[in-house]
Every structure is written in C-alpha cells, then in structure tokens.
Amino acid sequence: MNDIALQTERLRADFRLRPITASEIEFYLPGSDSYSAMPAFWNDVSATCKSVGIALFRMEKEKGREQHEVSLAPADPMKTARDTESLKTIIADMAKKHGMTPNFSARPFADQPGSGLHIHAHLANAQGKNVFYKDDESISDELKFSIGGLLATMRDFMPVFAPTPESRKRFVAGSNAPLTVSWGANNRTVAVRLPEAAHDDKHIEHRVAGADADPAKVMAAILEGMHYGLTHKSDPGPQIYGDAALAQYNLPKLV
C-alpha cells in the first residue's frame, strides 16, 4: 500500500471520513508573452487531458510574466496526485509541439513570483457530506483539528514541500508564497487558507508546496497532517487576518 492509500485508509478506519482533493499547479512558459499560439496550445492541453481522463477545472494566467496556472477538478487523493504528475508531462509535450519549454521550478526568476503546487482538500462522511464548516462564530471540529494538524506537522514536512535548496528560494517576501506557519479565511498570505464558500461547504487550500515538489509525497504529507490533527485534537490557534509574515504575529517561519 502506498503512502496516499495508507493515509486515506487511516482516515476512513479511524474517523470514517473520506478525503476529497484537487490541485492547482503554477508554471512559467517562456515564449507565451506572444499569445498568437496560445489558444492552440491550451486546446491541445485540454484535448489531451480529456483523452486520458484528466478533468480540468480552470486554466488561467497567473501574476508573473509568462506564468500560468492549471487547476484540476475534485477527485480522490490518488487520482489528484497521479493526474497532477501526468498534467506536467502533457504541458511539457504540448509546449514542445508549439516551440516552447515550460519551467516548473519553484522560483525560476528572482524578479517574478514563485510557482506553487496548491492542494485543496475537504473531508466527507459516509453519506458523502462535507464535514468542514465555518462561519464567523463557529467551526466544525473536523475542520479545526485538520487545520491544527497541518500546522503542527508543517515544518517537519518542509523537505517534502520544498525538496531542494532551489525550492526554498520561493519563501521570500514578494514571491507570492506563505512565509509562516499560519492559517486564515480568504487570506493569501497564510499557509493554510479557507477560500470563500458556503459555511457548510468549506475546504482547505494548502499553499506551501512548490511546483517542483512530488505531488504524491505532498498529498500523503497533507493527509497525514490532517490525521494527526484529528487524532490529537490539535488547536490551530487564532486565524490571521492581516499579512501573516508581519513580526507582530510572531509566527514560526517556514524556512
């Protein structure tokens, strides 16, 4: 049994919960500043993904010059990890066809934002209902403890999220990466973000891994962190509303 399957089974066996995940991967595509070839490139990526059963959710321009992001639709964690790895190969193959070479480095250009691998996740019960809930006054234990576990294990898993010295260059101010062990609602400076959604349909966006990280290892680490939090009833502490990198919050740094 591989690590993703192991962690998925532990969540089912110990808590009767099933993880549902999705991914977003950012990358640079030098040459894509000229968009004359881009519709054909994206059409080829989309058609190839469809032919092999990869469900795309969104393809869009990112903040960096010639930087892009592709998001996958929600699925089980094994499929998310496998499809994310396959997607990188498809992008590379289709880029080559159009005379371009993608760059999945975490921070390939010092004057541009870094590229991340963001994992979205929630937990469903035996009836398939999302058990993550949060409004201004309350938060479900499943969501609270999952966040707490992700924060408690985050620094231990940094070799997975940032596997090389080059990966760690992403964790600097202005790189569009989280810099601290932190969480918050719709706050893009935190490591664990809760995107806007209905109170009873929340999910986690784990924003720490770089685009050069191994999707399968990242997924297994996130599931293990969630299991740890549920097991130990880990309290994540207060959410951060401002810039989580500010000294006033006194939060542990990721690197």
Protein backbone atom coordinates (compact mmCIF):
# COMPACT_ATOMS: atom_id res chain seq x y z
CA MET A 1 0.00 0.00 0.00
CA ASN A 2 1.49 3.37 -0.98
CA ASP A 3 1.54 6.39 1.33
CA ILE A 4 -1.56 8.07 -0.12
CA ALA A 5 -3.60 4.88 0.12
CA LEU A 6 -2.30 4.30 3.65
CA GLN A 7 -3.26 7.77 4.87
CA THR A 8 -6.64 7.60 3.12
CA GLU A 9 -7.37 4.27 4.78
CA ARG A 10 -6.32 5.61 8.20
CA LEU A 11 -8.79 8.48 7.89
CA ARG A 12 -11.53 6.03 6.91
CA ALA A 13 -10.74 3.44 9.56
CA ASP A 14 -10.17 5.83 12.47
CA PHE A 15 -12.72 8.56 11.71
CA ARG A 16 -15.00 7.22 8.95
CA LEU A 17 -14.00 10.16 6.78
CA ARG A 18 -13.01 10.25 3.11
CA PRO A 19 -10.68 12.95 1.72
CA ILE A 20 -11.65 14.77 -1.47
CA THR A 21 -8.86 16.74 -3.12
CA ALA A 22 -7.92 18.93 -6.06
CA SER A 23 -4.72 20.66 -7.17
CA GLU A 24 -3.51 23.87 -8.75
CA ILE A 25 -0.06 23.99 -10.30
CA GLU A 26 1.72 27.13 -11.46
CA PHE A 27 4.48 27.27 -14.05
CA TYR A 28 6.29 29.61 -16.40
CA LEU A 29 6.09 29.21 -20.15
CA PRO A 30 8.76 31.34 -21.84
CA GLY A 31 7.51 32.49 -25.20
CA SER A 32 3.90 32.72 -24.11
CA ASP A 33 4.00 36.52 -23.98
CA SER A 34 3.04 36.27 -27.62
CA TYR A 35 -0.46 34.86 -27.39
CA SER A 36 -0.90 34.09 -31.09
CA ALA A 37 -0.08 30.42 -30.45
CA MET A 38 -1.69 30.16 -27.02
CA PRO A 39 -5.27 29.19 -27.95
CA ALA A 40 -3.92 26.27 -29.96
CA PHE A 41 -1.60 25.27 -27.10
CA TRP A 42 -4.38 25.31 -24.50
CA ASN A 43 -6.74 23.47 -26.85
CA ASP A 44 -4.12 20.74 -27.23
CA VAL A 45 -3.60 20.52 -23.45
CA SER A 46 -7.35 20.33 -22.85
CA ALA A 47 -7.97 17.73 -25.55
CA THR A 48 -5.10 15.53 -24.40
CA CYS A 49 -6.22 15.68 -20.77
CA LYS A 50 -9.76 14.74 -21.78
CA SER A 51 -8.49 11.79 -23.81
CA VAL A 52 -6.74 10.28 -20.76
CA GLY A 53 -9.47 11.04 -18.22
CA ILE A 54 -7.96 14.11 -16.53
CA ALA A 55 -10.71 16.58 -15.59
CA LEU A 56 -9.51 20.18 -15.84
CA PHE A 57 -11.23 22.81 -13.73
CA ARG A 58 -9.53 26.02 -14.84
CA MET A 59 -6.64 27.29 -16.95
CA GLU A 60 -5.60 30.90 -16.39
CA LYS A 61 -2.85 33.49 -16.49
CA GLU A 62 -1.00 33.98 -13.19
CA LYS A 63 0.67 37.08 -11.74
CA GLY A 64 4.17 36.51 -13.08
CA ARG A 65 5.30 37.41 -16.59
CA GLU A 66 4.56 34.33 -18.75
CA GLN A 67 3.31 32.49 -15.65
CA HIS A 68 0.20 30.30 -15.81
CA GLU A 69 -1.89 28.06 -13.57
CA VAL A 70 -3.88 24.91 -14.30
CA SER A 71 -6.40 23.53 -11.80
CA LEU A 72 -7.85 20.04 -11.64
CA ALA A 73 -11.40 19.12 -10.66
CA PRO A 74 -12.01 17.46 -7.26
CA ALA A 75 -11.27 13.73 -7.05
CA ASP A 76 -9.87 11.15 -4.66
CA PRO A 77 -6.30 11.91 -3.48
CA MET A 78 -4.66 9.14 -5.51
CA LYS A 79 -6.19 10.41 -8.74
CA THR A 80 -5.35 14.03 -7.90
CA ALA A 81 -1.68 13.19 -7.35
CA ARG A 82 -1.45 10.95 -10.40
CA ASP A 83 -3.24 13.41 -12.67
CA THR A 84 -1.12 16.34 -11.46
CA GLU A 85 2.06 14.48 -12.41
CA SER A 86 0.57 13.48 -15.76
CA LEU A 87 -0.57 17.05 -16.38
CA LYS A 88 3.02 18.31 -16.08
CA THR A 89 4.08 15.82 -18.76
CA ILE A 90 1.18 16.81 -21.03
CA ILE A 91 2.01 20.51 -20.66
CA ALA A 92 5.66 19.80 -21.49
CA ASP A 93 4.73 17.71 -24.54
CA MET A 94 2.24 20.23 -25.89
CA ALA A 95 4.62 23.13 -25.23
CA LYS A 96 7.33 21.36 -27.21
CA LYS A 97 4.88 20.91 -30.08
CA HIS A 98 4.38 24.68 -30.09
CA GLY A 99 8.05 25.55 -29.77
CA MET A 100 8.08 26.32 -26.04
CA THR A 101 9.53 24.76 -22.87
CA PRO A 102 7.67 25.05 -19.54
CA ASN A 103 9.51 25.72 -16.29
CA PHE A 104 8.12 24.07 -13.15
CA SER A 105 10.83 25.40 -10.83
CA ALA A 106 9.61 26.88 -7.57
CA ARG A 107 11.32 30.27 -8.16
CA PRO A 108 12.97 30.34 -11.59
CA PHE A 109 13.18 34.14 -11.83
CA ALA A 110 14.29 36.33 -8.93
CA ASP A 111 12.21 39.28 -10.14
CA GLN A 112 8.99 37.27 -10.58
CA PRO A 113 6.60 35.43 -8.20
CA GLY A 114 7.31 31.81 -7.33
CA SER A 115 5.29 28.87 -8.61
CA GLY A 116 3.33 26.72 -6.18
CA LEU A 117 1.53 23.42 -6.05
CA HIS A 118 -1.61 24.19 -4.04
CA ILE A 119 -3.70 21.30 -2.73
CA HIS A 120 -7.39 21.77 -1.96
CA ALA A 121 -9.00 19.27 0.40
CA HIS A 122 -12.05 18.54 2.49
CA LEU A 123 -13.33 15.50 4.37
CA ALA A 124 -16.64 13.78 3.64
CA ASN A 125 -18.62 11.46 5.87
CA ALA A 126 -20.07 8.07 4.91
CA GLN A 127 -23.00 9.80 3.23
CA GLY A 128 -20.69 11.94 1.13
CA LYS A 129 -21.43 15.17 3.03
CA ASN A 130 -18.62 17.65 3.58
CA VAL A 131 -17.92 17.84 7.34
CA PHE A 132 -15.96 21.08 7.13
CA TYR A 133 -17.99 24.02 8.47
CA LYS A 134 -17.07 27.55 9.46
CA ASP A 135 -18.91 30.81 9.94
CA ASP A 136 -17.94 33.91 11.88
CA GLU A 137 -18.88 32.32 15.20
CA SER A 138 -18.12 28.59 14.94
CA ILE A 139 -16.02 25.98 13.21
CA SER A 140 -16.56 22.22 12.99
CA ASP A 141 -14.16 20.06 14.96
CA GLU A 142 -13.16 18.20 11.81
CA LEU A 143 -12.05 21.43 10.13
CA LYS A 144 -10.50 22.92 13.27
CA PHE A 145 -8.45 19.82 14.09
CA SER A 146 -7.44 19.25 10.47
CA ILE A 147 -6.02 22.76 10.27
CA GLY A 148 -4.33 22.27 13.63
CA GLY A 149 -2.68 19.06 12.46
CA LEU A 150 -1.49 20.61 9.23
CA LEU A 151 0.12 23.46 11.15
CA ALA A 152 1.61 21.13 13.79
CA THR A 153 3.33 18.95 11.17
CA MET A 154 4.10 21.62 8.57
CA ARG A 155 7.73 22.34 9.41
CA ASP A 156 8.51 18.61 9.69
CA PHE A 157 7.23 18.13 6.15
CA MET A 158 9.13 21.05 4.61
CA PRO A 159 11.61 18.64 2.91
CA VAL A 160 8.56 17.31 1.03
CA PHE A 161 7.06 20.72 0.23
CA ALA A 162 10.43 22.26 -0.68
CA PRO A 163 12.69 19.33 -1.62
CA THR A 164 15.78 21.20 -2.88
CA PRO A 165 17.79 24.33 -1.98
CA GLU A 166 16.29 25.93 -5.10
CA SER A 167 12.80 25.19 -3.78
CA ARG A 168 13.47 27.21 -0.63
CA LYS A 169 14.21 30.35 -2.66
CA ARG A 170 10.44 30.69 -3.11
CA PHE A 171 9.97 31.54 0.58
CA VAL A 172 10.93 35.20 0.48
CA ALA A 173 8.89 38.39 0.55
CA GLY A 174 7.30 39.17 -2.80
CA SER A 175 7.41 35.59 -4.05
CA ASN A 176 3.65 35.00 -3.62
CA ALA A 177 4.39 32.15 -1.18
CA PRO A 178 3.40 31.85 2.51
CA LEU A 179 6.28 32.56 4.86
CA THR A 180 4.92 31.39 8.21
CA VAL A 181 3.03 28.54 9.87
CA SER A 182 -0.36 30.23 9.67
CA TRP A 183 -3.98 29.91 8.71
CA GLY A 184 -6.86 32.20 7.86
CA ALA A 185 -10.00 32.65 5.85
CA ASN A 186 -9.72 34.35 2.46
CA ASN A 187 -6.12 35.42 3.14
CA ARG A 188 -3.46 34.64 0.53
CA THR A 189 -0.53 35.33 2.89
CA VAL A 190 -1.23 32.28 5.07
CA ALA A 191 -0.03 28.71 4.62
CA VAL A 192 -3.47 27.14 5.09
CA ARG A 193 -6.27 29.19 3.56
CA LEU A 194 -10.03 28.71 3.60
CA PRO A 195 -11.32 30.02 0.26
CA GLU A 196 -14.68 31.73 0.14
CA ALA A 197 -17.51 29.18 0.12
CA ALA A 198 -20.81 28.45 1.83
CA HIS A 199 -20.49 27.94 5.60
CA ASP A 200 -21.27 24.22 5.32
CA ASP A 201 -19.08 23.58 2.28
CA LYS A 202 -15.65 24.81 3.29
CA HIS A 203 -12.36 23.35 2.12
CA ILE A 204 -8.69 23.84 2.87
CA GLU A 205 -6.19 25.27 0.42
CA HIS A 206 -2.69 24.12 1.42
CA ARG A 207 -0.36 26.69 -0.17
CA VAL A 208 3.10 25.56 0.94
CA ALA A 209 4.44 23.16 -1.71
CA GLY A 210 6.35 24.43 -4.71
CA ALA A 211 5.64 23.41 -8.29
CA ASP A 212 8.78 21.27 -8.24
CA ALA A 213 7.53 19.08 -5.36
CA ASP A 214 6.41 15.47 -5.87
CA PRO A 215 2.57 15.58 -5.94
CA ALA A 216 2.22 12.11 -4.40
CA LYS A 217 4.52 12.93 -1.48
CA VAL A 218 2.83 16.30 -0.94
CA MET A 219 -0.59 14.65 -0.89
CA ALA A 220 0.48 11.96 1.57
CA ALA A 221 2.02 14.59 3.87
CA ILE A 222 -1.16 16.67 3.88
CA LEU A 223 -3.36 13.66 4.62
CA GLU A 224 -1.01 12.60 7.41
CA GLY A 225 -1.16 16.10 8.88
CA MET A 226 -4.95 16.04 8.86
CA HIS A 227 -5.00 12.61 10.52
CA TYR A 228 -2.55 13.84 13.16
CA GLY A 229 -4.78 16.80 13.94
CA LEU A 230 -7.92 14.70 14.25
CA THR A 231 -6.11 12.18 16.46
CA HIS A 232 -4.59 14.77 18.79
CA LYS A 233 -7.43 17.29 18.58
CA SER A 234 -4.88 19.89 17.55
CA ASP A 235 -5.90 23.50 18.15
CA PRO A 236 -4.71 25.72 15.27
CA GLY A 237 -4.87 28.88 17.36
CA PRO A 238 -6.43 32.11 16.11
CA GLN A 239 -6.74 32.76 12.42
CA ILE A 240 -4.67 35.54 10.88
CA TYR A 241 -6.50 38.44 9.25
CA GLY A 242 -3.54 40.56 8.13
CA ASP A 243 -0.22 39.77 6.48
CA ALA A 244 0.90 36.58 8.23
CA ALA A 245 4.57 37.45 7.67
CA LEU A 246 4.41 40.56 9.89
CA ALA A 247 6.53 40.42 13.04
CA GLN A 248 3.56 41.44 15.19
CA TYR A 249 2.08 37.94 14.80
CA ASN A 250 5.31 36.24 15.94
CA LEU A 251 4.61 33.08 13.91
CA PRO A 252 7.16 30.32 13.19
CA LYS A 253 8.83 30.76 9.82
CA LEU A 254 8.62 28.00 7.23
CA VAL A 255 12.31 28.23 6.35
